[in-house]
């Protein structure tokens, strides 16, 4: 049985934006968010994602979305490299 590697993140994102960006990160839309969970299987590799309920963080008059996300990778040769690749797709630029 393949080892599962988990990563937990606090992200400033709504569920809707998460799903939109995840499609870009994995290169397809063959998944669905159901009850806060997403499962993506590609051959022997499986990624399971669990999203907390959406909340928000207020700083003075600014409200930012907050979602706690857990990524479980099973069957990935280098789960940490895969997580870094996904993180890059979620980065937002400023300038």
PDB file of N, CA and C in Angstrom:
ATOM      1  N   UNK A   1       0.851  -1.183   0.000  1.00  0.00           N
ATOM      2  CA  UNK A   1       0.000   0.000   0.000  1.00  0.00           C
ATOM      3  C   UNK A   1       0.889   1.236   0.000  1.00  0.00           C
ATOM      4  N   UNK A   2       0.505   2.227  -0.774  1.00  0.00           N
ATOM      5  CA  UNK A   2       1.263   3.471  -0.877  1.00  0.00           C
ATOM      6  C   UNK A   2       1.089   4.321   0.371  1.00  0.00           C
ATOM      7  N   UNK A   3       2.134   5.018   0.694  1.00  0.00           N
ATOM      8  CA  UNK A   3       2.136   5.908   1.846  1.00  0.00           C
ATOM      9  C   UNK A   3       1.357   7.177   1.511  1.00  0.00           C
ATOM     10  N   UNK A   4       0.598   7.691   2.468  1.00  0.00           N
ATOM     11  CA  UNK A   4      -0.128   8.948   2.308  1.00  0.00           C
ATOM     12  C   UNK A   4       0.645  10.053   3.009  1.00  0.00           C
ATOM     13  N   UNK A   5       0.838  11.165   2.290  1.00  0.00           N
ATOM     14  CA  UNK A   5       1.519  12.333   2.844  1.00  0.00           C
ATOM     15  C   UNK A   5       0.506  13.467   2.904  1.00  0.00           C
ATOM     16  N   UNK A   6       0.390  14.113   4.077  1.00  0.00           N
ATOM     17  CA  UNK A   6      -0.613  15.156   4.277  1.00  0.00           C
ATOM     18  C   UNK A   6       0.039  16.520   4.474  1.00  0.00           C
ATOM     19  N   UNK A   7      -0.640  17.533   3.962  1.00  0.00           N
ATOM     20  CA  UNK A   7      -0.247  18.929   4.151  1.00  0.00           C
ATOM     21  C   UNK A   7      -1.485  19.695   4.580  1.00  0.00           C
ATOM     22  N   UNK A   8      -1.327  20.585   5.562  1.00  0.00           N
ATOM     23  CA  UNK A   8      -2.439  21.423   6.007  1.00  0.00           C
ATOM     24  C   UNK A   8      -2.057  22.877   5.819  1.00  0.00           C
ATOM     25  N   UNK A   9      -3.006  23.650   5.279  1.00  0.00           N
ATOM     26  CA  UNK A   9      -2.734  25.047   4.977  1.00  0.00           C
ATOM     27  C   UNK A   9      -3.916  25.912   5.380  1.00  0.00           C
ATOM     28  N   UNK A  10      -3.632  27.120   5.775  1.00  0.00           N
ATOM     29  CA  UNK A  10      -4.642  28.148   5.957  1.00  0.00           C
ATOM     30  C   UNK A  10      -4.540  29.043   4.726  1.00  0.00           C
ATOM     31  N   UNK A  11      -5.623  29.139   3.978  1.00  0.00           N
ATOM     32  CA  UNK A  11      -5.580  29.880   2.727  1.00  0.00           C
ATOM     33  C   UNK A  11      -6.603  31.014   2.745  1.00  0.00           C
ATOM     34  N   UNK A  12      -6.226  32.133   2.176  1.00  0.00           N
ATOM     35  CA  UNK A  12      -7.124  33.286   2.050  1.00  0.00           C
ATOM     36  C   UNK A  12      -7.885  33.141   0.732  1.00  0.00           C
ATOM     37  N   UNK A  13      -8.899  32.252   0.752  1.00  0.00           N
ATOM     38  CA  UNK A  13      -9.595  31.912  -0.483  1.00  0.00           C
ATOM     39  C   UNK A  13     -10.999  31.401  -0.163  1.00  0.00           C
ATOM     40  N   UNK A  14     -11.929  31.634  -1.084  1.00  0.00           N
ATOM     41  CA  UNK A  14     -13.268  31.067  -0.966  1.00  0.00           C
ATOM     42  C   UNK A  14     -13.270  29.687  -1.623  1.00  0.00           C
ATOM     43  N   UNK A  15     -14.289  28.906  -1.351  1.00  0.00           N
ATOM     44  CA  UNK A  15     -14.398  27.586  -1.986  1.00  0.00           C
ATOM     45  C   UNK A  15     -14.499  27.734  -3.501  1.00  0.00           C
ATOM     46  N   UNK A  16     -15.263  28.693  -3.958  1.00  0.00           N
ATOM     47  CA  UNK A  16     -15.438  28.896  -5.401  1.00  0.00           C
ATOM     48  C   UNK A  16     -14.101  29.181  -6.088  1.00  0.00           C
ATOM     49  N   UNK A  17     -13.314  30.091  -5.520  1.00  0.00           N
ATOM     50  CA  UNK A  17     -12.007  30.401  -6.107  1.00  0.00           C
ATOM     51  C   UNK A  17     -11.051  29.218  -5.998  1.00  0.00           C
ATOM     52  N   UNK A  18     -11.148  28.466  -4.902  1.00  0.00           N
ATOM     53  CA  UNK A  18     -10.275  27.300  -4.738  1.00  0.00           C
ATOM     54  C   UNK A  18     -10.508  26.304  -5.872  1.00  0.00           C
ATOM     55  N   UNK A  19     -11.775  25.994  -6.151  1.00  0.00           N
ATOM     56  CA  UNK A  19     -12.105  25.031  -7.204  1.00  0.00           C
ATOM     57  C   UNK A  19     -11.628  25.541  -8.565  1.00  0.00           C
ATOM     58  N   UNK A  20     -11.808  26.824  -8.817  1.00  0.00           N
ATOM     59  CA  UNK A  20     -11.376  27.410 -10.090  1.00  0.00           C
ATOM     60  C   UNK A  20      -9.866  27.286 -10.265  1.00  0.00           C
ATOM     61  N   UNK A  21      -9.108  27.618  -9.229  1.00  0.00           N
ATOM     62  CA  UNK A  21      -7.650  27.551  -9.314  1.00  0.00           C
ATOM     63  C   UNK A  21      -7.137  26.114  -9.286  1.00  0.00           C
ATOM     64  N   UNK A  22      -7.841  25.229  -8.594  1.00  0.00           N
ATOM     65  CA  UNK A  22      -7.425  23.828  -8.565  1.00  0.00           C
ATOM     66  C   UNK A  22      -7.508  23.217  -9.960  1.00  0.00           C
ATOM     67  N   UNK A  23      -8.532  23.576 -10.714  1.00  0.00           N
ATOM     68  CA  UNK A  23      -8.661  23.067 -12.088  1.00  0.00           C
ATOM     69  C   UNK A  23      -7.428  23.437 -12.906  1.00  0.00           C
ATOM     70  N   UNK A  24      -6.941  24.643 -12.738  1.00  0.00           N
ATOM     71  CA  UNK A  24      -5.726  25.075 -13.435  1.00  0.00           C
ATOM     72  C   UNK A  24      -4.502  24.316 -12.912  1.00  0.00           C
ATOM     73  N   UNK A  25      -4.463  24.079 -11.614  1.00  0.00           N
ATOM     74  CA  UNK A  25      -3.306  23.416 -10.999  1.00  0.00           C
ATOM     75  C   UNK A  25      -3.180  21.953 -11.431  1.00  0.00           C
ATOM     76  N   UNK A  26      -4.312  21.262 -11.581  1.00  0.00           N
ATOM     77  CA  UNK A  26      -4.250  19.850 -11.951  1.00  0.00           C
ATOM     78  C   UNK A  26      -4.444  19.633 -13.448  1.00  0.00           C
ATOM     79  N   UNK A  27      -4.823  20.692 -14.178  1.00  0.00           N
ATOM     80  CA  UNK A  27      -4.923  20.607 -15.629  1.00  0.00           C
ATOM     81  C   UNK A  27      -6.219  20.030 -16.165  1.00  0.00           C
ATOM     82  N   UNK A  28      -7.239  19.928 -15.320  1.00  0.00           N
ATOM     83  CA  UNK A  28      -8.550  19.450 -15.783  1.00  0.00           C
ATOM     84  C   UNK A  28      -9.612  19.803 -14.750  1.00  0.00           C
ATOM     85  N   UNK A  29     -10.869  19.572 -15.128  1.00  0.00           N
ATOM     86  CA  UNK A  29     -11.997  19.842 -14.235  1.00  0.00           C
ATOM     87  C   UNK A  29     -12.748  18.562 -13.875  1.00  0.00           C
ATOM     88  N   UNK A  30     -12.059  17.426 -13.901  1.00  0.00           N
ATOM     89  CA  UNK A  30     -12.689  16.136 -13.628  1.00  0.00           C
ATOM     90  C   UNK A  30     -12.783  15.861 -12.125  1.00  0.00           C
ATOM     91  N   UNK A  31     -13.359  16.795 -11.399  1.00  0.00           N
ATOM     92  CA  UNK A  31     -13.560  16.609  -9.971  1.00  0.00           C
ATOM     93  C   UNK A  31     -14.719  17.484  -9.532  1.00  0.00           C
ATOM     94  N   UNK A  32     -15.242  17.210  -8.357  1.00  0.00           N
ATOM     95  CA  UNK A  32     -16.335  17.984  -7.804  1.00  0.00           C
ATOM     96  C   UNK A  32     -16.100  18.215  -6.327  1.00  0.00           C
ATOM     97  N   UNK A  33     -16.532  19.366  -5.855  1.00  0.00           N
ATOM     98  CA  UNK A  33     -16.526  19.671  -4.432  1.00  0.00           C
ATOM     99  C   UNK A  33     -17.859  19.193  -3.858  1.00  0.00           C
ATOM    100  N   UNK A  34     -17.809  18.196  -2.983  1.00  0.00           N
ATOM    101  CA  UNK A  34     -19.012  17.647  -2.366  1.00  0.00           C
ATOM    102  C   UNK A  34     -18.799  17.609  -0.861  1.00  0.00           C
ATOM    103  N   UNK A  35     -19.626  18.334  -0.139  1.00  0.00           N
ATOM    104  CA  UNK A  35     -19.537  18.388   1.325  1.00  0.00           C
ATOM    105  C   UNK A  35     -18.129  18.728   1.801  1.00  0.00           C
ATOM    106  N   UNK A  36     -17.473  19.660   1.115  1.00  0.00           N
ATOM    107  CA  UNK A  36     -16.150  20.115   1.527  1.00  0.00           C
ATOM    108  C   UNK A  36     -15.017  19.182   1.146  1.00  0.00           C
ATOM    109  N   UNK A  37     -15.284  18.193   0.297  1.00  0.00           N
ATOM    110  CA  UNK A  37     -14.242  17.231  -0.086  1.00  0.00           C
ATOM    111  C   UNK A  37     -14.115  17.134  -1.606  1.00  0.00           C
ATOM    112  N   UNK A  38     -12.872  16.952  -2.045  1.00  0.00           N
ATOM    113  CA  UNK A  38     -12.544  16.747  -3.450  1.00  0.00           C
ATOM    114  C   UNK A  38     -11.613  15.550  -3.513  1.00  0.00           C
ATOM    115  N   UNK A  39     -11.871  14.648  -4.458  1.00  0.00           N
ATOM    116  CA  UNK A  39     -11.002  13.489  -4.650  1.00  0.00           C
ATOM    117  C   UNK A  39     -10.634  13.417  -6.126  1.00  0.00           C
ATOM    118  N   UNK A  40      -9.325  13.325  -6.392  1.00  0.00           N
ATOM    119  CA  UNK A  40      -8.825  13.250  -7.762  1.00  0.00           C
ATOM    120  C   UNK A  40      -7.929  12.020  -7.857  1.00  0.00           C
ATOM    121  N   UNK A  41      -8.302  11.093  -8.749  1.00  0.00           N
ATOM    122  CA  UNK A  41      -7.523   9.874  -8.936  1.00  0.00           C
ATOM    123  C   UNK A  41      -7.012   9.833 -10.360  1.00  0.00           C
ATOM    124  N   UNK A  42      -5.711   9.623 -10.495  1.00  0.00           N
ATOM    125  CA  UNK A  42      -5.073   9.484 -11.801  1.00  0.00           C
ATOM    126  C   UNK A  42      -4.164   8.261 -11.739  1.00  0.00           C
ATOM    127  N   UNK A  43      -4.660   7.153 -12.270  1.00  0.00           N
ATOM    128  CA  UNK A  43      -3.896   5.911 -12.185  1.00  0.00           C
ATOM    129  C   UNK A  43      -3.699   5.513 -10.732  1.00  0.00           C
ATOM    130  N   UNK A  44      -2.449   5.236 -10.326  1.00  0.00           N
ATOM    131  CA  UNK A  44      -2.184   4.819  -8.950  1.00  0.00           C
ATOM    132  C   UNK A  44      -2.098   6.003  -7.973  1.00  0.00           C
ATOM    133  N   UNK A  45      -2.188   7.226  -8.504  1.00  0.00           N
ATOM    134  CA  UNK A  45      -2.060   8.413  -7.643  1.00  0.00           C
ATOM    135  C   UNK A  45      -3.434   8.957  -7.259  1.00  0.00           C
ATOM    136  N   UNK A  46      -3.547   9.352  -5.991  1.00  0.00           N
ATOM    137  CA  UNK A  46      -4.805   9.903  -5.495  1.00  0.00           C
ATOM    138  C   UNK A  46      -4.522  11.125  -4.632  1.00  0.00           C
ATOM    139  N   UNK A  47      -5.272  12.192  -4.898  1.00  0.00           N
ATOM    140  CA  UNK A  47      -5.184  13.395  -4.086  1.00  0.00           C
ATOM    141  C   UNK A  47      -6.571  13.637  -3.487  1.00  0.00           C
ATOM    142  N   UNK A  48      -6.625  13.705  -2.171  1.00  0.00           N
ATOM    143  CA  UNK A  48      -7.873  14.008  -1.484  1.00  0.00           C
ATOM    144  C   UNK A  48      -7.708  15.342  -0.776  1.00  0.00           C
ATOM    145  N   UNK A  49      -8.691  16.208  -0.965  1.00  0.00           N
ATOM    146  CA  UNK A  49      -8.624  17.554  -0.408  1.00  0.00           C
ATOM    147  C   UNK A  49      -9.858  17.773   0.452  1.00  0.00           C
ATOM    148  N   UNK A  50      -9.646  18.308   1.642  1.00  0.00           N
ATOM    149  CA  UNK A  50     -10.741  18.618   2.550  1.00  0.00           C
ATOM    150  C   UNK A  50     -10.696  20.109   2.863  1.00  0.00           C
ATOM    151  N   UNK A  51     -11.824  20.785   2.617  1.00  0.00           N
ATOM    152  CA  UNK A  51     -11.933  22.221   2.879  1.00  0.00           C
ATOM    153  C   UNK A  51     -12.793  22.447   4.122  1.00  0.00           C
ATOM    154  N   UNK A  52     -12.341  23.347   4.998  1.00  0.00           N
ATOM    155  CA  UNK A  52     -13.160  23.722   6.141  1.00  0.00           C
ATOM    156  C   UNK A  52     -14.303  24.609   5.656  1.00  0.00           C
ATOM    157  N   UNK A  53     -15.204  24.928   6.541  1.00  0.00           N
ATOM    158  CA  UNK A  53     -16.225  25.918   6.207  1.00  0.00           C
ATOM    159  C   UNK A  53     -15.530  27.245   5.953  1.00  0.00           C
ATOM    160  N   UNK A  54     -16.090  28.023   5.057  1.00  0.00           N
ATOM    161  CA  UNK A  54     -15.528  29.351   4.790  1.00  0.00           C
ATOM    162  C   UNK A  54     -15.750  30.239   6.008  1.00  0.00           C
ATOM    163  N   UNK A  55     -14.745  31.020   6.306  1.00  0.00           N
ATOM    164  CA  UNK A  55     -14.870  32.024   7.356  1.00  0.00           C
ATOM    165  C   UNK A  55     -14.159  33.272   6.860  1.00  0.00           C
ATOM    166  N   UNK A  56     -14.031  34.245   7.721  1.00  0.00           N
ATOM    167  CA  UNK A  56     -13.318  35.451   7.301  1.00  0.00           C
ATOM    168  C   UNK A  56     -12.506  36.008   8.449  1.00  0.00           C
ATOM    169  N   UNK A  57     -11.481  36.723   8.079  1.00  0.00           N
ATOM    170  CA  UNK A  57     -10.617  37.394   9.042  1.00  0.00           C
ATOM    171  C   UNK A  57     -10.758  38.891   8.783  1.00  0.00           C
ATOM    172  N   UNK A  58     -11.026  39.633   9.825  1.00  0.00           N
ATOM    173  CA  UNK A  58     -11.190  41.086   9.685  1.00  0.00           C
ATOM    174  C   UNK A  58      -9.977  41.794  10.253  1.00  0.00           C
ATOM    175  N   UNK A  59      -9.477  42.734   9.471  1.00  0.00           N
ATOM    176  CA  UNK A  59      -8.392  43.606   9.904  1.00  0.00           C
ATOM    177  C   UNK A  59      -8.883  45.022   9.628  1.00  0.00           C
ATOM    178  N   UNK A  60      -9.257  45.703  10.681  1.00  0.00           N
ATOM    179  CA  UNK A  60      -9.891  47.018  10.567  1.00  0.00           C
ATOM    180  C   UNK A  60     -11.138  46.867   9.686  1.00  0.00           C
ATOM    181  N   UNK A  61     -11.204  47.559   8.563  1.00  0.00           N
ATOM    182  CA  UNK A  61     -12.373  47.483   7.697  1.00  0.00           C
ATOM    183  C   UNK A  61     -12.228  46.458   6.575  1.00  0.00           C
ATOM    184  N   UNK A  62     -11.113  45.737   6.559  1.00  0.00           N
ATOM    185  CA  UNK A  62     -10.859  44.760   5.500  1.00  0.00           C
ATOM    186  C   UNK A  62     -11.275  43.365   5.972  1.00  0.00           C
ATOM    187  N   UNK A  63     -12.048  42.667   5.141  1.00  0.00           N
ATOM    188  CA  UNK A  63     -12.456  41.295   5.443  1.00  0.00           C
ATOM    189  C   UNK A  63     -11.822  40.373   4.403  1.00  0.00           C
ATOM    190  N   UNK A  64     -11.071  39.382   4.885  1.00  0.00           N
ATOM    191  CA  UNK A  64     -10.414  38.421   3.997  1.00  0.00           C
ATOM    192  C   UNK A  64     -11.027  37.041   4.197  1.00  0.00           C
ATOM    193  N   UNK A  65     -11.269  36.301   3.101  1.00  0.00           N
ATOM    194  CA  UNK A  65     -11.783  34.950   3.269  1.00  0.00           C
ATOM    195  C   UNK A  65     -10.711  34.044   3.873  1.00  0.00           C
ATOM    196  N   UNK A  66     -11.140  33.057   4.632  1.00  0.00           N
ATOM    197  CA  UNK A  66     -10.216  32.091   5.219  1.00  0.00           C
ATOM    198  C   UNK A  66     -10.808  30.692   5.073  1.00  0.00           C
ATOM    199  N   UNK A  67     -10.008  29.788   4.542  1.00  0.00           N
ATOM    200  CA  UNK A  67     -10.387  28.378   4.446  1.00  0.00           C
ATOM    201  C   UNK A  67      -9.177  27.548   4.856  1.00  0.00           C
ATOM    202  N   UNK A  68      -9.391  26.612   5.770  1.00  0.00           N
ATOM    203  CA  UNK A  68      -8.336  25.677   6.141  1.00  0.00           C
ATOM    204  C   UNK A  68      -8.449  24.490   5.197  1.00  0.00           C
ATOM    205  N   UNK A  69      -7.322  24.099   4.616  1.00  0.00           N
ATOM    206  CA  UNK A  69      -7.319  23.062   3.588  1.00  0.00           C
ATOM    207  C   UNK A  69      -6.348  21.954   3.974  1.00  0.00           C
ATOM    208  N   UNK A  70      -6.787  20.709   3.792  1.00  0.00           N
ATOM    209  CA  UNK A  70      -5.915  19.556   4.008  1.00  0.00           C
ATOM    210  C   UNK A  70      -5.782  18.808   2.683  1.00  0.00           C
ATOM    211  N   UNK A  71      -4.543  18.591   2.278  1.00  0.00           N
ATOM    212  CA  UNK A  71      -4.220  17.833   1.076  1.00  0.00           C
ATOM    213  C   UNK A  71      -3.634  16.497   1.506  1.00  0.00           C
ATOM    214  N   UNK A  72      -4.198  15.396   1.018  1.00  0.00           N
ATOM    215  CA  UNK A  72      -3.654  14.057   1.262  1.00  0.00           C
ATOM    216  C   UNK A  72      -3.232  13.469  -0.082  1.00  0.00           C
ATOM    217  N   UNK A  73      -1.943  13.176  -0.219  1.00  0.00           N
ATOM    218  CA  UNK A  73      -1.388  12.617  -1.443  1.00  0.00           C
ATOM    219  C   UNK A  73      -1.042  11.151  -1.208  1.00  0.00           C
ATOM    220  N   UNK A  74      -1.565  10.260  -2.042  1.00  0.00           N
ATOM    221  CA  UNK A  74      -1.257   8.834  -1.960  1.00  0.00           C
ATOM    222  C   UNK A  74      -0.742   8.374  -3.323  1.00  0.00           C
ATOM    223  N   UNK A  75       0.377   7.676  -3.323  1.00  0.00           N
ATOM    224  CA  UNK A  75       0.925   7.126  -4.555  1.00  0.00           C
ATOM    225  C   UNK A  75       1.798   8.087  -5.340  1.00  0.00           C
ATOM    226  N   UNK A  76       2.118   9.241  -4.772  1.00  0.00           N
ATOM    227  CA  UNK A  76       2.979  10.215  -5.440  1.00  0.00           C
ATOM    228  C   UNK A  76       4.431   9.926  -5.073  1.00  0.00           C
ATOM    229  N   UNK A  77       5.288   9.919  -6.064  1.00  0.00           N
ATOM    230  CA  UNK A  77       6.713   9.666  -5.828  1.00  0.00           C
ATOM    231  C   UNK A  77       7.318  10.758  -4.949  1.00  0.00           C
ATOM    232  N   UNK A  78       6.939  12.014  -5.201  1.00  0.00           N
ATOM    233  CA  UNK A  78       7.449  13.143  -4.425  1.00  0.00           C
ATOM    234  C   UNK A  78       6.284  14.091  -4.112  1.00  0.00           C
ATOM    235  N   UNK A  79       5.564  13.792  -3.026  1.00  0.00           N
ATOM    236  CA  UNK A  79       4.380  14.568  -2.654  1.00  0.00           C
ATOM    237  C   UNK A  79       4.733  16.014  -2.344  1.00  0.00           C
ATOM    238  N   UNK A  80       5.899  16.242  -1.760  1.00  0.00           N
ATOM    239  CA  UNK A  80       6.292  17.609  -1.431  1.00  0.00           C
ATOM    240  C   UNK A  80       6.483  18.441  -2.700  1.00  0.00           C
ATOM    241  N   UNK A  81       7.089  17.880  -3.716  1.00  0.00           N
ATOM    242  CA  UNK A  81       7.269  18.587  -4.989  1.00  0.00           C
ATOM    243  C   UNK A  81       5.917  18.863  -5.636  1.00  0.00           C
ATOM    244  N   UNK A  82       4.998  17.918  -5.540  1.00  0.00           N
ATOM    245  CA  UNK A  82       3.651  18.109  -6.091  1.00  0.00           C
ATOM    246  C   UNK A  82       2.926  19.227  -5.355  1.00  0.00           C
ATOM    247  N   UNK A  83       3.091  19.288  -4.028  1.00  0.00           N
ATOM    248  CA  UNK A  83       2.457  20.348  -3.244  1.00  0.00           C
ATOM    249  C   UNK A  83       3.032  21.700  -3.625  1.00  0.00           C
ATOM    250  N   UNK A  84       4.333  21.778  -3.835  1.00  0.00           N
ATOM    251  CA  UNK A  84       4.960  23.038  -4.257  1.00  0.00           C
ATOM    252  C   UNK A  84       4.432  23.484  -5.607  1.00  0.00           C
ATOM    253  N   UNK A  85       4.254  22.525  -6.521  1.00  0.00           N
ATOM    254  CA  UNK A  85       3.739  22.843  -7.850  1.00  0.00           C
ATOM    255  C   UNK A  85       2.310  23.398  -7.753  1.00  0.00           C
ATOM    256  N   UNK A  86       1.501  22.801  -6.903  1.00  0.00           N
ATOM    257  CA  UNK A  86       0.131  23.274  -6.708  1.00  0.00           C
ATOM    258  C   UNK A  86       0.138  24.644  -6.049  1.00  0.00           C
ATOM    259  N   UNK A  87       0.995  24.837  -5.047  1.00  0.00           N
ATOM    260  CA  UNK A  87       1.101  26.140  -4.378  1.00  0.00           C
ATOM    261  C   UNK A  87       1.380  27.262  -5.374  1.00  0.00           C
ATOM    262  N   UNK A  88       2.244  26.992  -6.348  1.00  0.00           N
ATOM    263  CA  UNK A  88       2.561  28.014  -7.357  1.00  0.00           C
ATOM    264  C   UNK A  88       1.322  28.453  -8.121  1.00  0.00           C
ATOM    265  N   UNK A  89       0.405  27.553  -8.371  1.00  0.00           N
ATOM    266  CA  UNK A  89      -0.824  27.892  -9.101  1.00  0.00           C
ATOM    267  C   UNK A  89      -1.785  28.737  -8.269  1.00  0.00           C
ATOM    268  N   UNK A  90      -1.631  28.683  -6.955  1.00  0.00           N
ATOM    269  CA  UNK A  90      -2.510  29.451  -6.065  1.00  0.00           C
ATOM    270  C   UNK A  90      -1.914  30.803  -5.670  1.00  0.00           C
ATOM    271  N   UNK A  91      -0.667  31.043  -6.028  1.00  0.00           N
ATOM    272  CA  UNK A  91      -0.033  32.319  -5.662  1.00  0.00           C
ATOM    273  C   UNK A  91      -0.691  33.464  -6.394  1.00  0.00           C
ATOM    274  N   UNK A  92      -0.774  34.571  -5.685  1.00  0.00           N
ATOM    275  CA  UNK A  92      -1.321  35.784  -6.273  1.00  0.00           C
ATOM    276  C   UNK A  92      -0.203  36.821  -6.313  1.00  0.00           C
ATOM    277  N   UNK A  93      -0.122  37.496  -7.418  1.00  0.00           N
ATOM    278  CA  UNK A  93       0.944  38.487  -7.587  1.00  0.00           C
ATOM    279  C   UNK A  93       0.476  39.875  -7.198  1.00  0.00           C
ATOM    280  N   UNK A  94       1.417  40.696  -6.925  1.00  0.00           N
ATOM    281  CA  UNK A  94       1.150  42.109  -6.622  1.00  0.00           C
ATOM    282  C   UNK A  94       2.162  42.936  -7.379  1.00  0.00           C
ATOM    283  N   UNK A  95       2.005  44.192  -7.313  1.00  0.00           N
ATOM    284  CA  UNK A  95       2.997  44.968  -8.041  1.00  0.00           C
ATOM    285  C   UNK A  95       2.828  46.407  -8.004  1.00  0.00           C
TER     286      UNK A  95
END
